[in-house]
mmCIF file of all heavy atoms, coordinates in Angstrom:
data_MODEL
# 
_entry.id   MODEL 
# 
loop_
_atom_site.group_PDB 
_atom_site.id 
_atom_site.type_symbol 
_atom_site.label_atom_id 
_atom_site.label_alt_id 
_atom_site.label_comp_id 
_atom_site.label_asym_id 
_atom_site.label_entity_id 
_atom_site.label_seq_id 
_atom_site.pdbx_PDB_ins_code 
_atom_site.Cartn_x 
_atom_site.Cartn_y 
_atom_site.Cartn_z 
_atom_site.occupancy 
_atom_site.B_iso_or_equiv 
_atom_site.pdbx_formal_charge 
_atom_site.auth_seq_id 
_atom_site.auth_comp_id 
_atom_site.auth_asym_id 
_atom_site.auth_atom_id 
_atom_site.pdbx_PDB_model_num 
ATOM 1   N N   . THR A 1 1  ? 13.876 -38.021 67.476 1.00 0.00 ? 1  THR A N   1 
ATOM 2   C CA  . THR A 1 1  ? 13.821 -36.687 68.061 1.00 0.00 ? 1  THR A CA  1 
ATOM 3   C C   . THR A 1 1  ? 15.026 -36.437 68.976 1.00 0.00 ? 1  THR A C   1 
ATOM 4   O O   . THR A 1 1  ? 15.442 -37.310 69.733 1.00 0.00 ? 1  THR A O   1 
ATOM 5   C CB  . THR A 1 1  ? 12.518 -36.499 68.857 1.00 0.00 ? 1  THR A CB  1 
ATOM 6   O OG1 . THR A 1 1  ? 11.403 -36.665 67.980 1.00 0.00 ? 1  THR A OG1 1 
ATOM 7   C CG2 . THR A 1 1  ? 12.451 -35.112 69.485 1.00 0.00 ? 1  THR A CG2 1 
ATOM 8   N N   . ILE A 1 2  ? 15.571 -35.228 68.884 1.00 0.00 ? 2  ILE A N   1 
ATOM 9   C CA  . ILE A 1 2  ? 16.761 -34.839 69.656 1.00 0.00 ? 2  ILE A CA  1 
ATOM 10  C C   . ILE A 1 2  ? 16.380 -33.746 70.644 1.00 0.00 ? 2  ILE A C   1 
ATOM 11  O O   . ILE A 1 2  ? 15.645 -32.811 70.293 1.00 0.00 ? 2  ILE A O   1 
ATOM 12  C CB  . ILE A 1 2  ? 17.867 -34.334 68.718 1.00 0.00 ? 2  ILE A CB  1 
ATOM 13  C CG1 . ILE A 1 2  ? 18.381 -35.479 67.843 1.00 0.00 ? 2  ILE A CG1 1 
ATOM 14  C CG2 . ILE A 1 2  ? 19.011 -33.695 69.494 1.00 0.00 ? 2  ILE A CG2 1 
ATOM 15  C CD1 . ILE A 1 2  ? 19.193 -35.010 66.659 1.00 0.00 ? 2  ILE A CD1 1 
ATOM 16  N N   . ILE A 1 3  ? 16.872 -33.872 71.874 1.00 0.00 ? 3  ILE A N   1 
ATOM 17  C CA  . ILE A 1 3  ? 16.666 -32.835 72.882 1.00 0.00 ? 3  ILE A CA  1 
ATOM 18  C C   . ILE A 1 3  ? 18.042 -32.278 73.246 1.00 0.00 ? 3  ILE A C   1 
ATOM 19  O O   . ILE A 1 3  ? 18.880 -32.977 73.806 1.00 0.00 ? 3  ILE A O   1 
ATOM 20  C CB  . ILE A 1 3  ? 15.946 -33.377 74.124 1.00 0.00 ? 3  ILE A CB  1 
ATOM 21  C CG1 . ILE A 1 3  ? 14.586 -33.960 73.710 1.00 0.00 ? 3  ILE A CG1 1 
ATOM 22  C CG2 . ILE A 1 3  ? 15.757 -32.272 75.163 1.00 0.00 ? 3  ILE A CG2 1 
ATOM 23  C CD1 . ILE A 1 3  ? 13.812 -34.586 74.840 1.00 0.00 ? 3  ILE A CD1 1 
ATOM 24  N N   . LEU A 1 4  ? 18.249 -31.027 72.890 1.00 0.00 ? 4  LEU A N   1 
ATOM 25  C CA  . LEU A 1 4  ? 19.533 -30.359 73.094 1.00 0.00 ? 4  LEU A CA  1 
ATOM 26  C C   . LEU A 1 4  ? 19.470 -29.546 74.387 1.00 0.00 ? 4  LEU A C   1 
ATOM 27  O O   . LEU A 1 4  ? 18.607 -28.677 74.546 1.00 0.00 ? 4  LEU A O   1 
ATOM 28  C CB  . LEU A 1 4  ? 19.827 -29.451 71.894 1.00 0.00 ? 4  LEU A CB  1 
ATOM 29  C CG  . LEU A 1 4  ? 21.185 -28.766 71.822 1.00 0.00 ? 4  LEU A CG  1 
ATOM 30  C CD1 . LEU A 1 4  ? 22.303 -29.785 71.656 1.00 0.00 ? 4  LEU A CD1 1 
ATOM 31  C CD2 . LEU A 1 4  ? 21.192 -27.774 70.649 1.00 0.00 ? 4  LEU A CD2 1 
ATOM 32  N N   . MET A 1 5  ? 20.358 -29.855 75.328 1.00 0.00 ? 5  MET A N   1 
ATOM 33  C CA  . MET A 1 5  ? 20.366 -29.154 76.617 1.00 0.00 ? 5  MET A CA  1 
ATOM 34  C C   . MET A 1 5  ? 21.737 -29.303 77.272 1.00 0.00 ? 5  MET A C   1 
ATOM 35  O O   . MET A 1 5  ? 22.626 -29.946 76.719 1.00 0.00 ? 5  MET A O   1 
ATOM 36  C CB  . MET A 1 5  ? 19.274 -29.714 77.531 1.00 0.00 ? 5  MET A CB  1 
ATOM 37  C CG  . MET A 1 5  ? 19.395 -31.219 77.771 1.00 0.00 ? 5  MET A CG  1 
ATOM 38  S SD  . MET A 1 5  ? 18.203 -31.872 78.974 1.00 0.00 ? 5  MET A SD  1 
ATOM 39  C CE  . MET A 1 5  ? 16.668 -31.636 78.114 1.00 0.00 ? 5  MET A CE  1 
ATOM 40  N N   . ARG A 1 6  ? 21.888 -28.730 78.453 1.00 0.00 ? 6  ARG A N   1 
ATOM 41  C CA  . ARG A 1 6  ? 23.183 -28.825 79.127 1.00 0.00 ? 6  ARG A CA  1 
ATOM 42  C C   . ARG A 1 6  ? 23.281 -30.041 80.044 1.00 0.00 ? 6  ARG A C   1 
ATOM 43  O O   . ARG A 1 6  ? 24.294 -30.221 80.721 1.00 0.00 ? 6  ARG A O   1 
ATOM 44  C CB  . ARG A 1 6  ? 23.470 -27.547 79.918 1.00 0.00 ? 6  ARG A CB  1 
ATOM 45  C CG  . ARG A 1 6  ? 22.599 -27.295 81.135 1.00 0.00 ? 6  ARG A CG  1 
ATOM 46  C CD  . ARG A 1 6  ? 22.954 -25.937 81.735 1.00 0.00 ? 6  ARG A CD  1 
ATOM 47  N NE  . ARG A 1 6  ? 22.225 -25.651 82.953 1.00 0.00 ? 6  ARG A NE  1 
ATOM 48  C CZ  . ARG A 1 6  ? 22.701 -25.882 84.178 1.00 0.00 ? 6  ARG A CZ  1 
ATOM 49  N NH1 . ARG A 1 6  ? 23.894 -26.426 84.332 1.00 0.00 ? 6  ARG A NH1 1 
ATOM 50  N NH2 . ARG A 1 6  ? 21.994 -25.557 85.240 1.00 0.00 ? 6  ARG A NH2 1 
ATOM 51  N N   . PHE A 1 7  ? 22.252 -30.877 80.058 1.00 0.00 ? 7  PHE A N   1 
ATOM 52  C CA  . PHE A 1 7  ? 22.272 -32.113 80.839 1.00 0.00 ? 7  PHE A CA  1 
ATOM 53  C C   . PHE A 1 7  ? 22.145 -33.312 79.918 1.00 0.00 ? 7  PHE A C   1 
ATOM 54  O O   . PHE A 1 7  ? 21.597 -33.218 78.805 1.00 0.00 ? 7  PHE A O   1 
ATOM 55  C CB  . PHE A 1 7  ? 21.131 -32.132 81.860 1.00 0.00 ? 7  PHE A CB  1 
ATOM 56  C CG  . PHE A 1 7  ? 21.266 -31.102 82.939 1.00 0.00 ? 7  PHE A CG  1 
ATOM 57  C CD1 . PHE A 1 7  ? 20.324 -30.093 83.066 1.00 0.00 ? 7  PHE A CD1 1 
ATOM 58  C CD2 . PHE A 1 7  ? 22.332 -31.140 83.823 1.00 0.00 ? 7  PHE A CD2 1 
ATOM 59  C CE1 . PHE A 1 7  ? 20.433 -29.139 84.057 1.00 0.00 ? 7  PHE A CE1 1 
ATOM 60  C CE2 . PHE A 1 7  ? 22.457 -30.188 84.817 1.00 0.00 ? 7  PHE A CE2 1 
ATOM 61  C CZ  . PHE A 1 7  ? 21.511 -29.180 84.940 1.00 0.00 ? 7  PHE A CZ  1 
ATOM 62  N N   . SER A 1 8  ? 22.625 -34.455 80.403 1.00 0.00 ? 8  SER A N   1 
ATOM 63  C CA  . SER A 1 8  ? 22.574 -35.693 79.620 1.00 0.00 ? 8  SER A CA  1 
ATOM 64  C C   . SER A 1 8  ? 21.500 -36.620 80.166 1.00 0.00 ? 8  SER A C   1 
ATOM 65  O O   . SER A 1 8  ? 21.278 -36.688 81.381 1.00 0.00 ? 8  SER A O   1 
ATOM 66  C CB  . SER A 1 8  ? 23.935 -36.398 79.663 1.00 0.00 ? 8  SER A CB  1 
ATOM 67  O OG  . SER A 1 8  ? 23.863 -37.667 79.067 1.00 0.00 ? 8  SER A OG  1 
ATOM 68  N N   . PHE A 1 9  ? 20.812 -37.336 79.275 1.00 0.00 ? 9  PHE A N   1 
ATOM 69  C CA  . PHE A 1 9  ? 19.829 -38.336 79.689 1.00 0.00 ? 9  PHE A CA  1 
ATOM 70  C C   . PHE A 1 9  ? 20.495 -39.501 80.424 1.00 0.00 ? 9  PHE A C   1 
ATOM 71  O O   . PHE A 1 9  ? 19.953 -40.043 81.370 1.00 0.00 ? 9  PHE A O   1 
ATOM 72  C CB  . PHE A 1 9  ? 19.086 -38.885 78.473 1.00 0.00 ? 9  PHE A CB  1 
ATOM 73  C CG  . PHE A 1 9  ? 17.985 -37.992 77.978 1.00 0.00 ? 9  PHE A CG  1 
ATOM 74  C CD1 . PHE A 1 9  ? 17.287 -38.311 76.826 1.00 0.00 ? 9  PHE A CD1 1 
ATOM 75  C CD2 . PHE A 1 9  ? 17.643 -36.842 78.667 1.00 0.00 ? 9  PHE A CD2 1 
ATOM 76  C CE1 . PHE A 1 9  ? 16.257 -37.498 76.373 1.00 0.00 ? 9  PHE A CE1 1 
ATOM 77  C CE2 . PHE A 1 9  ? 16.621 -36.025 78.223 1.00 0.00 ? 9  PHE A CE2 1 
ATOM 78  C CZ  . PHE A 1 9  ? 15.932 -36.351 77.061 1.00 0.00 ? 9  PHE A CZ  1 
ATOM 79  N N   . GLY A 1 10 ? 21.663 -39.880 79.962 1.00 0.00 ? 10 GLY A N   1 
ATOM 80  C CA  . GLY A 1 10 ? 22.347 -41.041 80.515 1.00 0.00 ? 10 GLY A CA  1 
ATOM 81  C C   . GLY A 1 10 ? 23.654 -40.657 81.182 1.00 0.00 ? 10 GLY A C   1 
ATOM 82  O O   . GLY A 1 10 ? 23.963 -39.472 81.392 1.00 0.00 ? 10 GLY A O   1 
ATOM 83  N N   . PRO A 1 11 ? 24.449 -41.668 81.550 1.00 0.00 ? 11 PRO A N   1 
ATOM 84  C CA  . PRO A 1 11 ? 25.742 -41.396 82.178 1.00 0.00 ? 11 PRO A CA  1 
ATOM 85  C C   . PRO A 1 11 ? 26.690 -40.681 81.218 1.00 0.00 ? 11 PRO A C   1 
ATOM 86  O O   . PRO A 1 11 ? 26.603 -40.837 80.003 1.00 0.00 ? 11 PRO A O   1 
ATOM 87  C CB  . PRO A 1 11 ? 26.255 -42.796 82.545 1.00 0.00 ? 11 PRO A CB  1 
ATOM 88  C CG  . PRO A 1 11 ? 25.519 -43.731 81.639 1.00 0.00 ? 11 PRO A CG  1 
ATOM 89  C CD  . PRO A 1 11 ? 24.185 -43.110 81.400 1.00 0.00 ? 11 PRO A CD  1 
ATOM 90  N N   . SER A 1 12 ? 27.610 -39.914 81.777 1.00 0.00 ? 12 SER A N   1 
ATOM 91  C CA  . SER A 1 12 ? 28.549 -39.142 80.965 1.00 0.00 ? 12 SER A CA  1 
ATOM 92  C C   . SER A 1 12 ? 29.956 -39.285 81.538 1.00 0.00 ? 12 SER A C   1 
ATOM 93  O O   . SER A 1 12 ? 30.143 -39.438 82.751 1.00 0.00 ? 12 SER A O   1 
ATOM 94  C CB  . SER A 1 12 ? 28.146 -37.666 80.925 1.00 0.00 ? 12 SER A CB  1 
ATOM 95  O OG  . SER A 1 12 ? 29.139 -36.886 80.318 1.00 0.00 ? 12 SER A OG  1 
ATOM 96  N N   . GLU A 1 13 ? 30.966 -39.237 80.642 1.00 0.00 ? 13 GLU A N   1 
ATOM 97  C CA  . GLU A 1 13 ? 32.360 -39.304 81.084 1.00 0.00 ? 13 GLU A CA  1 
ATOM 98  C C   . GLU A 1 13 ? 32.840 -37.964 81.639 1.00 0.00 ? 13 GLU A C   1 
ATOM 99  O O   . GLU A 1 13 ? 33.880 -37.897 82.291 1.00 0.00 ? 13 GLU A O   1 
ATOM 100 C CB  . GLU A 1 13 ? 33.251 -39.718 79.905 1.00 0.00 ? 13 GLU A CB  1 
ATOM 101 C CG  . GLU A 1 13 ? 32.949 -41.115 79.362 1.00 0.00 ? 13 GLU A CG  1 
ATOM 102 C CD  . GLU A 1 13 ? 33.809 -41.464 78.171 1.00 0.00 ? 13 GLU A CD  1 
ATOM 103 O OE1 . GLU A 1 13 ? 34.574 -40.581 77.732 1.00 0.00 ? 13 GLU A OE1 1 
ATOM 104 O OE2 . GLU A 1 13 ? 33.709 -42.605 77.689 1.00 0.00 ? 13 GLU A OE2 1 
ATOM 105 N N   . ILE A 1 14 ? 32.079 -36.916 81.393 1.00 0.00 ? 14 ILE A N   1 
ATOM 106 C CA  . ILE A 1 14 ? 32.458 -35.589 81.882 1.00 0.00 ? 14 ILE A CA  1 
ATOM 107 C C   . ILE A 1 14 ? 32.099 -35.480 83.364 1.00 0.00 ? 14 ILE A C   1 
ATOM 108 O O   . ILE A 1 14 ? 30.977 -35.809 83.750 1.00 0.00 ? 14 ILE A O   1 
ATOM 109 C CB  . ILE A 1 14 ? 31.740 -34.493 81.072 1.00 0.00 ? 14 ILE A CB  1 
ATOM 110 C CG1 . ILE A 1 14 ? 32.076 -34.628 79.581 1.00 0.00 ? 14 ILE A CG1 1 
ATOM 111 C CG2 . ILE A 1 14 ? 32.121 -33.109 81.568 1.00 0.00 ? 14 ILE A CG2 1 
ATOM 112 C CD1 . ILE A 1 14 ? 31.289 -33.704 78.691 1.00 0.00 ? 14 ILE A CD1 1 
ATOM 113 N N   . PRO A 1 15 ? 33.019 -35.046 84.203 1.00 0.00 ? 15 PRO A N   1 
ATOM 114 C CA  . PRO A 1 15 ? 32.729 -34.925 85.643 1.00 0.00 ? 15 PRO A CA  1 
ATOM 115 C C   . PRO A 1 15 ? 31.533 -34.017 85.915 1.00 0.00 ? 15 PRO A C   1 
ATOM 116 O O   . PRO A 1 15 ? 31.281 -33.062 85.167 1.00 0.00 ? 15 PRO A O   1 
ATOM 117 C CB  . PRO A 1 15 ? 34.027 -34.332 86.218 1.00 0.00 ? 15 PRO A CB  1 
ATOM 118 C CG  . PRO A 1 15 ? 35.076 -34.608 85.197 1.00 0.00 ? 15 PRO A CG  1 
ATOM 119 C CD  . PRO A 1 15 ? 34.382 -34.622 83.874 1.00 0.00 ? 15 PRO A CD  1 
ATOM 120 N N   . GLN A 1 16 ? 30.826 -34.309 86.994 1.00 0.00 ? 16 GLN A N   1 
ATOM 121 C CA  . GLN A 1 16 ? 29.629 -33.548 87.310 1.00 0.00 ? 16 GLN A CA  1 
ATOM 122 C C   . GLN A 1 16 ? 29.931 -32.076 87.554 1.00 0.00 ? 16 GLN A C   1 
ATOM 123 O O   . GLN A 1 16 ? 29.173 -31.201 87.127 1.00 0.00 ? 16 GLN A O   1 
ATOM 124 C CB  . GLN A 1 16 ? 28.933 -34.146 88.528 1.00 0.00 ? 16 GLN A CB  1 
ATOM 125 C CG  . GLN A 1 16 ? 27.613 -33.450 88.859 1.00 0.00 ? 16 GLN A CG  1 
ATOM 126 C CD  . GLN A 1 16 ? 26.875 -34.116 89.999 1.00 0.00 ? 16 GLN A CD  1 
ATOM 127 O OE1 . GLN A 1 16 ? 27.247 -35.193 90.436 1.00 0.00 ? 16 GLN A OE1 1 
ATOM 128 N NE2 . GLN A 1 16 ? 25.841 -33.471 90.488 1.00 0.00 ? 16 GLN A NE2 1 
ATOM 129 N N   . TRP A 1 17 ? 31.048 -31.784 88.241 1.00 0.00 ? 17 TRP A N   1 
ATOM 130 C CA  . TRP A 1 17 ? 31.368 -30.388 88.533 1.00 0.00 ? 17 TRP A CA  1 
ATOM 131 C C   . TRP A 1 17 ? 31.551 -29.577 87.258 1.00 0.00 ? 17 TRP A C   1 
ATOM 132 O O   . TRP A 1 17 ? 31.221 -28.386 87.210 1.00 0.00 ? 17 TRP A O   1 
ATOM 133 C CB  . TRP A 1 17 ? 32.639 -30.303 89.396 1.00 0.00 ? 17 TRP A CB  1 
ATOM 134 C CG  . TRP A 1 17 ? 33.905 -30.781 88.721 1.00 0.00 ? 17 TRP A CG  1 
ATOM 135 C CD1 . TRP A 1 17 ? 34.436 -32.022 88.771 1.00 0.00 ? 17 TRP A CD1 1 
ATOM 136 C CD2 . TRP A 1 17 ? 34.771 -30.006 87.875 1.00 0.00 ? 17 TRP A CD2 1 
ATOM 137 N NE1 . TRP A 1 17 ? 35.589 -32.100 88.017 1.00 0.00 ? 17 TRP A NE1 1 
ATOM 138 C CE2 . TRP A 1 17 ? 35.827 -30.861 87.467 1.00 0.00 ? 17 TRP A CE2 1 
ATOM 139 C CE3 . TRP A 1 17 ? 34.766 -28.679 87.441 1.00 0.00 ? 17 TRP A CE3 1 
ATOM 140 C CZ2 . TRP A 1 17 ? 36.856 -30.444 86.644 1.00 0.00 ? 17 TRP A CZ2 1 
ATOM 141 C CZ3 . TRP A 1 17 ? 35.801 -28.256 86.613 1.00 0.00 ? 17 TRP A CZ3 1 
ATOM 142 C CH2 . TRP A 1 17 ? 36.827 -29.125 86.222 1.00 0.00 ? 17 TRP A CH2 1 
ATOM 143 N N   . LYS A 1 18 ? 32.070 -30.254 86.211 1.00 0.00 ? 18 LYS A N   1 
ATOM 144 C CA  . LYS A 1 18 ? 32.278 -29.555 84.948 1.00 0.00 ? 18 LYS A CA  1 
ATOM 145 C C   . LYS A 1 18 ? 30.963 -29.387 84.197 1.00 0.00 ? 18 LYS A C   1 
ATOM 146 O O   . LYS A 1 18 ? 30.716 -28.350 83.571 1.00 0.00 ? 18 LYS A O   1 
ATOM 147 C CB  . LYS A 1 18 ? 33.277 -30.338 84.092 1.00 0.00 ? 18 LYS A CB  1 
ATOM 148 C CG  . LYS A 1 18 ? 33.803 -29.558 82.903 1.00 0.00 ? 18 LYS A CG  1 
ATOM 149 C CD  . LYS A 1 18 ? 35.007 -30.250 82.284 1.00 0.00 ? 18 LYS A CD  1 
ATOM 150 C CE  . LYS A 1 18 ? 35.632 -29.378 81.203 1.00 0.00 ? 18 LYS A CE  1 
ATOM 151 N NZ  . LYS A 1 18 ? 36.844 -30.004 80.627 1.00 0.00 ? 18 LYS A NZ  1 
ATOM 152 N N   . ARG A 1 19 ? 30.096 -30.414 84.271 1.00 0.00 ? 19 ARG A N   1 
ATOM 153 C CA  . ARG A 1 19 ? 28.793 -30.319 83.603 1.00 0.00 ? 19 ARG A CA  1 
ATOM 154 C C   . ARG A 1 19 ? 27.949 -29.198 84.192 1.00 0.00 ? 19 ARG A C   1 
ATOM 155 O O   . ARG A 1 19 ? 27.179 -28.548 83.481 1.00 0.00 ? 19 ARG A O   1 
ATOM 156 C CB  . ARG A 1 19 ? 28.043 -31.653 83.729 1.00 0.00 ? 19 ARG A CB  1 
ATOM 157 C CG  . ARG A 1 19 ? 28.514 -32.722 82.743 1.00 0.00 ? 19 ARG A CG  1 
ATOM 158 C CD  . ARG A 1 19 ? 27.741 -33.995 82.924 1.00 0.00 ? 19 ARG A CD  1 
ATOM 159 N NE  . ARG A 1 19 ? 28.281 -34.800 84.019 1.00 0.00 ? 19 ARG A NE  1 
ATOM 160 C CZ  . ARG A 1 19 ? 27.592 -35.691 84.707 1.00 0.00 ? 19 ARG A CZ  1 
ATOM 161 N NH1 . ARG A 1 19 ? 26.322 -35.856 84.460 1.00 0.00 ? 19 ARG A NH1 1 
ATOM 162 N NH2 . ARG A 1 19 ? 28.155 -36.397 85.656 1.00 0.00 ? 19 ARG A NH2 1 
ATOM 163 N N   . GLU A 1 20 ? 28.073 -28.996 85.498 1.00 0.00 ? 20 GLU A N   1 
ATOM 164 C CA  . GLU A 1 20 ? 27.283 -27.948 86.158 1.00 0.00 ? 20 GLU A CA  1 
ATOM 165 C C   . GLU A 1 20 ? 27.684 -26.550 85.704 1.00 0.00 ? 20 GLU A C   1 
ATOM 166 O O   . GLU A 1 20 ? 26.935 -25.588 85.912 1.00 0.00 ? 20 GLU A O   1 
ATOM 167 C CB  . GLU A 1 20 ? 27.427 -28.079 87.673 1.00 0.00 ? 20 GLU A CB  1 
ATOM 168 C CG  . GLU A 1 20 ? 26.727 -29.323 88.232 1.00 0.00 ? 20 GLU A CG  1 
ATOM 169 C CD  . GLU A 1 20 ? 26.966 -29.495 89.718 1.00 0.00 ? 20 GLU A CD  1 
ATOM 170 O OE1 . GLU A 1 20 ? 27.820 -28.752 90.270 1.00 0.00 ? 20 GLU A OE1 1 
ATOM 171 O OE2 . GLU A 1 20 ? 26.307 -30.358 90.322 1.00 0.00 ? 20 GLU A OE2 1 
ATOM 172 N N   . GLN A 1 21 ? 28.858 -26.435 85.080 1.00 0.00 ? 21 GLN A N   1 
ATOM 173 C CA  . GLN A 1 21 ? 29.308 -25.135 84.580 1.00 0.00 ? 21 GLN A CA  1 
ATOM 174 C C   . GLN A 1 21 ? 28.884 -24.878 83.131 1.00 0.00 ? 21 GLN A C   1 
ATOM 175 O O   . GLN A 1 21 ? 29.111 -23.787 82.613 1.00 0.00 ? 21 GLN A O   1 
ATOM 176 C CB  . GLN A 1 21 ? 30.840 -25.044 84.690 1.00 0.00 ? 21 GLN A CB  1 
ATOM 177 C CG  . GLN A 1 21 ? 31.365 -25.106 86.118 1.00 0.00 ? 21 GLN A CG  1 
ATOM 178 C CD  . GLN A 1 21 ? 32.881 -25.120 86.195 1.00 0.00 ? 21 GLN A CD  1 
ATOM 179 O OE1 . GLN A 1 21 ? 33.563 -25.148 85.165 1.00 0.00 ? 21 GLN A OE1 1 
ATOM 180 N NE2 . GLN A 1 21 ? 33.423 -25.092 87.396 1.00 0.00 ? 21 GLN A NE2 1 
ATOM 181 N N   . PHE A 1 22 ? 28.288 -25.883 82.489 1.00 0.00 ? 22 PHE A N   1 
ATOM 182 C CA  . PHE A 1 22 ? 27.855 -25.696 81.103 1.00 0.00 ? 22 PHE A CA  1 
ATOM 183 C C   . PHE A 1 22 ? 26.754 -24.638 81.027 1.00 0.00 ? 22 PHE A C   1 
ATOM 184 O O   . PHE A 1 22 ? 25.880 -24.576 81.902 1.00 0.00 ? 22 PHE A O   1 
ATOM 185 C CB  . PHE A 1 22 ? 27.320 -27.010 80.527 1.00 0.00 ? 22 PHE A CB  1 
ATOM 186 C CG  . PHE A 1 22 ? 28.389 -28.040 80.252 1.00 0.00 ? 22 PHE A CG  1 
ATOM 187 C CD1 . PHE A 1 22 ? 28.037 -29.318 79.824 1.00 0.00 ? 22 PHE A CD1 1 
ATOM 188 C CD2 . PHE A 1 22 ? 29.733 -27.751 80.396 1.00 0.00 ? 22 PHE A CD2 1 
ATOM 189 C CE1 . PHE A 1 22 ? 28.998 -30.284 79.565 1.00 0.00 ? 22 PHE A CE1 1 
ATOM 190 C CE2 . PHE A 1 22 ? 30.707 -28.697 80.134 1.00 0.00 ? 22 PHE A CE2 1 
ATOM 191 C CZ  . PHE A 1 22 ? 30.338 -29.966 79.723 1.00 0.00 ? 22 PHE A CZ  1 
ATOM 192 N N   . PRO A 1 23 ? 26.774 -23.813 79.968 1.00 0.00 ? 23 PRO A N   1 
ATOM 193 C CA  . PRO A 1 23 ? 25.713 -22.812 79.808 1.00 0.00 ? 23 PRO A CA  1 
ATOM 194 C C   . PRO A 1 23 ? 24.420 -23.447 79.292 1.00 0.00 ? 23 PRO A C   1 
ATOM 195 O O   . PRO A 1 23 ? 24.444 -24.478 78.614 1.00 0.00 ? 23 PRO A O   1 
ATOM 196 C CB  . PRO A 1 23 ? 26.301 -21.861 78.765 1.00 0.00 ? 23 PRO A CB  1 
ATOM 197 C CG  . PRO A 1 23 ? 27.209 -22.729 77.949 1.00 0.00 ? 23 PRO A CG  1 
ATOM 198 C CD  . PRO A 1 23 ? 27.791 -23.736 78.906 1.00 0.00 ? 23 PRO A CD  1 
ATOM 199 N N   . ASP A 1 24 ? 23.310 -22.836 79.637 1.00 0.00 ? 24 ASP A N   1 
ATOM 200 C CA  . ASP A 1 24 ? 22.025 -23.278 79.079 1.00 0.00 ? 24 ASP A CA  1 
ATOM 201 C C   . ASP A 1 24 ? 21.959 -22.940 77.594 1.00 0.00 ? 24 ASP A C   1 
ATOM 202 O O   . ASP A 1 24 ? 22.607 -21.996 77.130 1.00 0.00 ? 24 ASP A O   1 
ATOM 203 C CB  . ASP A 1 24 ? 20.866 -22.585 79.796 1.00 0.00 ? 24 ASP A CB  1 
ATOM 204 C CG  . ASP A 1 24 ? 20.571 -23.203 81.154 1.00 0.00 ? 24 ASP A CG  1 
ATOM 205 O OD1 . ASP A 1 24 ? 20.628 -24.440 81.251 1.00 0.00 ? 24 ASP A OD1 1 
ATOM 206 O OD2 . ASP A 1 24 ? 20.289 -22.446 82.105 1.00 0.00 ? 24 ASP A OD2 1 
# 
């Protein structure tokens, strides 16, 4: 099962400030 969202379950190489700008 896949959960598609603007947040990651685990660690990410993308900086947090940039992830917070992702659209829902």
